[in-house]
Each structure stands twice: as C-alpha cells, then as structure tokens.
Amino acid sequence: MSSNKKRGMHTICGEIYHSAYVVLFVTSLTMAILNWESSAYLFFIGIFSYSFAFIGYLAGKKKWKNWIASHISGMLGSYIAICTAILVVNVSNITILNEWNPLIFWFLPSIIGSPLVFLVGQKYKKSNSI
C-alpha cells in the first residue's frame, strides 16, 4: 500500500498479495465445506472478500474506465475483509478482547477502513498519478 504507485515494487507486492489471497480463498472454501456445521460462514466470507481482491486486481491489470477507483476500493476492501475475518475468528482467544461484544469486531475494520478508502481514492482521483 505504501510503495510508489508504478511498475516495480507496487506491482510485485500486488501479485504476491493476490496470490496469497487466492490461497486464503481456496483454504476458506475448503475448511467451510469440510466443517460446514461450524464453519459455513467461512464460505461466504471467502467469496465476499475475494471478490473485492479480484475486482481490484483486474482493474489494475485491465485499466478499464475509472480503474483507479475500482483498484483502490477493491484492494483496500479486500484488506478490510481479511482483517475482519481474522478478528472475528481469533478474538475469542485474545484475553482482554474476548470480554467485548463480538459484534464490534464485525464492524470495527469497516469503521476504520472505509474512511481510509475514501481518502486514498480522493488523493489519486485528484492527482491522476497512477
């Protein structure tokens, strides 16, 4: 996210991020199917979160109209989604946080991340420097 937005480090890190997300996506679907009774939600979280990553990835590759907005919102949206999944799955194992209402952790990444998506989008919308 923090590298210069041009070919090179940003592109390499983007390929690594997308590849890792594919592995997470396949893993979440597999775990959900094998343990459907207790993990069905992983199936839907996996599809939802990977759809963001895929749209962001394709936008960067295909450079369609308004691709910058699609790329930024897709990639950052997928990051918010994976942070949400990690928090929701693991919060019960974190001593201080397991006393809080678990519903908070479903919304906290979006509450923090959505304004960031907006701000980054505005930055690159004005500069058109990608």
Protein backbone atom coordinates (compact mmCIF):
# COMPACT_ATOMS: atom_id res chain seq x y z
CA MET A 1 0.00 0.00 0.00
CA SER A 2 2.77 2.42 0.82
CA SER A 3 5.06 1.86 -2.17
CA ASN A 4 5.10 4.20 -5.17
CA LYS A 5 2.19 3.52 -7.49
CA LYS A 6 4.06 2.48 -10.61
CA ARG A 7 5.59 -0.63 -12.11
CA GLY A 8 8.09 -2.22 -9.80
CA MET A 9 7.61 -2.77 -6.08
CA HIS A 10 3.88 -1.93 -6.10
CA THR A 11 3.21 -4.39 -8.93
CA ILE A 12 5.33 -7.16 -7.37
CA CYS A 13 3.67 -6.72 -3.97
CA GLY A 14 0.27 -6.68 -5.68
CA GLU A 15 0.98 -10.01 -7.37
CA ILE A 16 2.13 -11.51 -4.06
CA TYR A 17 -0.95 -10.12 -2.27
CA HIS A 18 -3.31 -11.51 -4.91
CA SER A 19 -1.61 -14.91 -4.91
CA ALA A 20 -1.77 -15.11 -1.12
CA TYR A 21 -5.43 -14.12 -1.25
CA VAL A 22 -6.15 -16.92 -3.72
CA VAL A 23 -4.60 -19.39 -1.25
CA LEU A 24 -6.70 -17.93 1.59
CA PHE A 25 -9.81 -18.08 -0.58
CA VAL A 26 -9.33 -21.73 -1.51
CA THR A 27 -8.45 -22.59 2.10
CA SER A 28 -11.55 -20.87 3.49
CA LEU A 29 -13.81 -22.63 0.99
CA THR A 30 -12.21 -25.99 1.74
CA MET A 31 -12.48 -25.52 5.52
CA ALA A 32 -16.09 -24.40 5.20
CA ILE A 33 -17.08 -27.39 3.08
CA LEU A 34 -15.25 -29.91 5.31
CA ASN A 35 -16.72 -28.42 8.52
CA TRP A 36 -19.98 -26.98 7.23
CA GLU A 37 -21.85 -27.24 10.54
CA SER A 38 -19.43 -24.98 12.42
CA SER A 39 -17.71 -23.04 9.62
CA ALA A 40 -20.27 -22.32 6.91
CA TYR A 41 -19.71 -18.59 7.42
CA LEU A 42 -16.14 -19.03 6.08
CA PHE A 43 -17.63 -19.97 2.71
CA PHE A 44 -19.49 -16.69 2.41
CA ILE A 45 -16.71 -14.56 3.91
CA GLY A 46 -14.26 -16.16 1.48
CA ILE A 47 -16.39 -15.41 -1.57
CA PHE A 48 -17.21 -11.89 -0.41
CA SER A 49 -13.66 -10.92 0.48
CA TYR A 50 -12.04 -12.49 -2.57
CA SER A 51 -14.50 -10.70 -4.86
CA PHE A 52 -13.02 -7.40 -3.64
CA ALA A 53 -9.46 -8.62 -4.23
CA PHE A 54 -10.34 -9.96 -7.69
CA ILE A 55 -12.05 -6.75 -8.81
CA GLY A 56 -9.14 -4.66 -7.54
CA TYR A 57 -6.65 -6.96 -9.22
CA LEU A 58 -8.49 -6.97 -12.55
CA ALA A 59 -8.91 -3.20 -12.51
CA GLY A 60 -5.15 -2.78 -12.15
CA LYS A 61 -4.48 -5.24 -14.95
CA LYS A 62 -7.15 -4.19 -17.48
CA LYS A 63 -7.15 -0.42 -16.79
CA TRP A 64 -10.84 -0.01 -17.66
CA LYS A 65 -12.69 3.30 -17.29
CA ASN A 66 -12.35 4.59 -13.70
CA TRP A 67 -9.98 1.73 -13.00
CA ILE A 68 -8.17 3.65 -10.26
CA ALA A 69 -11.30 3.86 -8.10
CA SER A 70 -12.06 0.16 -8.69
CA HIS A 71 -8.48 -0.83 -7.95
CA ILE A 72 -8.24 1.17 -4.73
CA SER A 73 -11.66 0.19 -3.39
CA GLY A 74 -11.19 -3.45 -4.40
CA MET A 75 -7.75 -3.91 -2.89
CA LEU A 76 -8.44 -1.94 0.28
CA GLY A 77 -11.89 -3.51 0.58
CA SER A 78 -10.31 -6.95 0.45
CA TYR A 79 -7.85 -5.89 3.12
CA ILE A 80 -10.70 -4.71 5.35
CA ALA A 81 -12.50 -8.01 4.74
CA ILE A 82 -9.48 -10.13 5.66
CA CYS A 83 -8.85 -8.05 8.80
CA THR A 84 -12.50 -8.58 9.75
CA ALA A 85 -12.21 -12.33 9.23
CA ILE A 86 -9.00 -12.56 11.26
CA LEU A 87 -10.51 -10.56 14.13
CA VAL A 88 -13.79 -12.48 14.20
CA VAL A 89 -12.10 -15.88 14.12
CA ASN A 90 -9.40 -15.07 16.68
CA VAL A 91 -10.91 -12.54 19.10
CA SER A 92 -12.16 -15.24 21.45
CA ASN A 93 -8.51 -16.25 22.03
CA ILE A 94 -7.32 -12.75 22.98
CA THR A 95 -7.60 -12.27 26.73
CA ILE A 96 -8.76 -8.66 27.03
CA LEU A 97 -10.78 -8.53 23.82
CA ASN A 98 -12.77 -11.73 24.43
CA GLU A 99 -14.77 -9.86 27.07
CA TRP A 100 -16.11 -7.38 24.50
CA ASN A 101 -19.22 -7.92 22.43
CA PRO A 102 -18.09 -9.96 19.38
CA LEU A 103 -20.32 -7.89 17.09
CA ILE A 104 -17.90 -4.98 17.49
CA PHE A 105 -15.22 -6.93 15.63
CA TRP A 106 -17.52 -7.49 12.66
CA PHE A 107 -17.80 -3.72 12.16
CA LEU A 108 -14.59 -2.19 13.53
CA PRO A 109 -12.39 -2.81 10.45
CA SER A 110 -15.02 -1.24 8.18
CA ILE A 111 -15.47 1.73 10.51
CA ILE A 112 -11.72 2.35 10.47
CA GLY A 113 -11.00 1.30 6.88
CA SER A 114 -13.84 2.92 4.93
CA PRO A 115 -12.71 6.50 5.57
CA LEU A 116 -9.19 5.45 4.55
CA VAL A 117 -10.51 4.02 1.26
CA PHE A 118 -12.30 7.31 0.66
CA LEU A 119 -9.23 9.43 1.47
CA VAL A 120 -6.86 7.36 -0.68
CA GLY A 121 -9.41 7.42 -3.50
CA GLN A 122 -9.65 11.20 -3.28
CA LYS A 123 -5.88 11.54 -3.30
CA TYR A 124 -5.46 9.60 -6.54
CA LYS A 125 -8.62 10.97 -8.12
CA LYS A 126 -7.17 14.50 -7.84
CA SER A 127 -3.63 13.67 -8.88
CA ASN A 128 -4.34 11.00 -11.54
CA SER A 129 -0.78 9.91 -10.86
CA ILE A 130 -1.07 6.17 -11.12
